[in-house]
């Protein structure tokens, strides 16, 4: 039972922390350069939908295969793939500029 709590903390903590990081990265790059106060590039907010798609895939993976039955390697790999959606969203947003 302790293993299940640790696994759920790993997954939910990772979703929360990576969500805040994705939000802060999108916000930082959308504000523009440090010297430009009026420039806003909202294309960088495309990072958030790409991250949300990663969260939906993570939710689908763990709703199909129960979290208690998942190995720590699968949890680590899925968490890594969730973090990988942030640079993918950045690359897609950078193409629109």
C-alpha atoms as a PDB file:
ATOM      1  CA  UNK A   1       0.000   0.000   0.000  1.00  0.00           C
ATOM      2  CA  UNK A   2       2.919   2.324   0.672  1.00  0.00           C
ATOM      3  CA  UNK A   3       4.204   1.721  -2.865  1.00  0.00           C
ATOM      4  CA  UNK A   4       0.900   2.873  -4.342  1.00  0.00           C
ATOM      5  CA  UNK A   5       1.004   6.126  -2.369  1.00  0.00           C
ATOM      6  CA  UNK A   6       4.577   6.746  -3.483  1.00  0.00           C
ATOM      7  CA  UNK A   7       3.657   6.074  -7.116  1.00  0.00           C
ATOM      8  CA  UNK A   8       0.666   8.394  -7.009  1.00  0.00           C
ATOM      9  CA  UNK A   9       2.771  11.105  -5.361  1.00  0.00           C
ATOM     10  CA  UNK A  10       5.408  10.690  -8.094  1.00  0.00           C
ATOM     11  CA  UNK A  11       2.863  11.019 -10.888  1.00  0.00           C
ATOM     12  CA  UNK A  12       0.710  13.804  -9.445  1.00  0.00           C
ATOM     13  CA  UNK A  13       3.719  15.738  -8.184  1.00  0.00           C
ATOM     14  CA  UNK A  14       5.334  15.497 -11.592  1.00  0.00           C
ATOM     15  CA  UNK A  15       2.176  16.675 -13.363  1.00  0.00           C
ATOM     16  CA  UNK A  16       1.864  19.632 -10.992  1.00  0.00           C
ATOM     17  CA  UNK A  17       5.521  20.683 -11.119  1.00  0.00           C
ATOM     18  CA  UNK A  18       5.843  20.239 -14.877  1.00  0.00           C
ATOM     19  CA  UNK A  19       2.605  22.192 -15.343  1.00  0.00           C
ATOM     20  CA  UNK A  20       3.965  25.134 -13.384  1.00  0.00           C
ATOM     21  CA  UNK A  21       7.247  24.960 -15.282  1.00  0.00           C
ATOM     22  CA  UNK A  22       5.397  24.867 -18.631  1.00  0.00           C
ATOM     23  CA  UNK A  23       3.280  27.840 -17.570  1.00  0.00           C
ATOM     24  CA  UNK A  24       6.282  29.866 -16.438  1.00  0.00           C
ATOM     25  CA  UNK A  25       8.269  29.056 -19.593  1.00  0.00           C
ATOM     26  CA  UNK A  26       5.333  30.014 -21.818  1.00  0.00           C
ATOM     27  CA  UNK A  27       4.790  33.194 -19.831  1.00  0.00           C
ATOM     28  CA  UNK A  28       8.464  34.154 -19.928  1.00  0.00           C
ATOM     29  CA  UNK A  29       8.848  33.700 -23.679  1.00  0.00           C
ATOM     30  CA  UNK A  30       5.468  35.275 -24.473  1.00  0.00           C
ATOM     31  CA  UNK A  31       6.516  38.487 -22.722  1.00  0.00           C
ATOM     32  CA  UNK A  32       9.298  38.969 -25.238  1.00  0.00           C
ATOM     33  CA  UNK A  33      12.808  40.240 -24.725  1.00  0.00           C
ATOM     34  CA  UNK A  34      13.819  41.972 -21.531  1.00  0.00           C
ATOM     35  CA  UNK A  35      14.148  45.375 -23.212  1.00  0.00           C
ATOM     36  CA  UNK A  36      10.825  45.235 -25.044  1.00  0.00           C
ATOM     37  CA  UNK A  37       7.952  46.162 -22.780  1.00  0.00           C
ATOM     38  CA  UNK A  38       5.220  46.269 -25.439  1.00  0.00           C
ATOM     39  CA  UNK A  39       6.065  43.128 -27.377  1.00  0.00           C
ATOM     40  CA  UNK A  40       3.850  40.134 -26.636  1.00  0.00           C
ATOM     41  CA  UNK A  41       4.214  36.942 -28.625  1.00  0.00           C
ATOM     42  CA  UNK A  42       1.228  34.768 -27.707  1.00  0.00           C
ATOM     43  CA  UNK A  43       2.467  31.945 -29.931  1.00  0.00           C
ATOM     44  CA  UNK A  44       4.493  30.670 -27.018  1.00  0.00           C
ATOM     45  CA  UNK A  45       1.287  29.801 -25.192  1.00  0.00           C
ATOM     46  CA  UNK A  46       1.108  26.835 -27.616  1.00  0.00           C
ATOM     47  CA  UNK A  47       3.421  25.138 -25.139  1.00  0.00           C
ATOM     48  CA  UNK A  48       0.460  24.674 -22.779  1.00  0.00           C
ATOM     49  CA  UNK A  49      -1.869  22.724 -25.137  1.00  0.00           C
ATOM     50  CA  UNK A  50       1.023  20.451 -26.143  1.00  0.00           C
ATOM     51  CA  UNK A  51       1.749  19.849 -22.459  1.00  0.00           C
ATOM     52  CA  UNK A  52      -1.976  19.207 -21.850  1.00  0.00           C
ATOM     53  CA  UNK A  53      -1.974  16.577 -24.607  1.00  0.00           C
ATOM     54  CA  UNK A  54       0.924  14.911 -22.798  1.00  0.00           C
ATOM     55  CA  UNK A  55      -1.082  14.958 -19.558  1.00  0.00           C
ATOM     56  CA  UNK A  56      -4.055  13.382 -21.354  1.00  0.00           C
ATOM     57  CA  UNK A  57      -1.800  10.619 -22.704  1.00  0.00           C
ATOM     58  CA  UNK A  58      -0.419  10.104 -19.199  1.00  0.00           C
ATOM     59  CA  UNK A  59      -3.947   9.930 -17.763  1.00  0.00           C
ATOM     60  CA  UNK A  60      -5.006   7.478 -20.501  1.00  0.00           C
ATOM     61  CA  UNK A  61      -1.957   5.308 -19.841  1.00  0.00           C
ATOM     62  CA  UNK A  62      -2.591   5.079 -16.118  1.00  0.00           C
ATOM     63  CA  UNK A  63      -6.356   4.679 -16.447  1.00  0.00           C
ATOM     64  CA  UNK A  64      -5.843   1.761 -18.832  1.00  0.00           C
ATOM     65  CA  UNK A  65      -3.041   0.171 -16.795  1.00  0.00           C
ATOM     66  CA  UNK A  66      -3.601   0.684 -13.068  1.00  0.00           C
ATOM     67  CA  UNK A  67      -1.018   2.780 -11.265  1.00  0.00           C
ATOM     68  CA  UNK A  68      -0.503   0.187  -8.531  1.00  0.00           C
ATOM     69  CA  UNK A  69       0.441  -2.412 -11.157  1.00  0.00           C
ATOM     70  CA  UNK A  70       2.862  -0.123 -13.015  1.00  0.00           C
ATOM     71  CA  UNK A  71       6.582  -0.473 -12.475  1.00  0.00           C
ATOM     72  CA  UNK A  72       8.740   2.421 -11.392  1.00  0.00           C
ATOM     73  CA  UNK A  73      10.470   2.302 -14.780  1.00  0.00           C
ATOM     74  CA  UNK A  74       7.144   2.913 -16.562  1.00  0.00           C
ATOM     75  CA  UNK A  75       6.383   5.771 -14.194  1.00  0.00           C
ATOM     76  CA  UNK A  76       9.822   7.300 -14.751  1.00  0.00           C
ATOM     77  CA  UNK A  77       9.508   6.909 -18.526  1.00  0.00           C
ATOM     78  CA  UNK A  78       6.043   8.454 -18.625  1.00  0.00           C
ATOM     79  CA  UNK A  79       7.196  11.334 -16.421  1.00  0.00           C
ATOM     80  CA  UNK A  80      10.177  11.888 -18.712  1.00  0.00           C
ATOM     81  CA  UNK A  81       7.906  11.925 -21.759  1.00  0.00           C
ATOM     82  CA  UNK A  82       5.678  14.469 -20.038  1.00  0.00           C
ATOM     83  CA  UNK A  83       8.688  16.728 -19.482  1.00  0.00           C
ATOM     84  CA  UNK A  84       9.626  16.195 -23.126  1.00  0.00           C
ATOM     85  CA  UNK A  85       6.357  17.819 -24.251  1.00  0.00           C
ATOM     86  CA  UNK A  86       7.599  21.217 -23.037  1.00  0.00           C
ATOM     87  CA  UNK A  87      10.514  21.485 -25.529  1.00  0.00           C
ATOM     88  CA  UNK A  88       8.312  19.981 -28.257  1.00  0.00           C
ATOM     89  CA  UNK A  89       5.731  22.684 -27.619  1.00  0.00           C
ATOM     90  CA  UNK A  90       8.510  25.271 -27.617  1.00  0.00           C
ATOM     91  CA  UNK A  91       9.754  24.067 -31.010  1.00  0.00           C
ATOM     92  CA  UNK A  92       6.232  24.143 -32.457  1.00  0.00           C
ATOM     93  CA  UNK A  93       5.601  27.609 -31.062  1.00  0.00           C
ATOM     94  CA  UNK A  94       8.937  28.829 -32.387  1.00  0.00           C
ATOM     95  CA  UNK A  95       7.906  27.799 -35.921  1.00  0.00           C
ATOM     96  CA  UNK A  96       5.004  30.283 -35.862  1.00  0.00           C
ATOM     97  CA  UNK A  97       7.210  33.283 -35.140  1.00  0.00           C
END
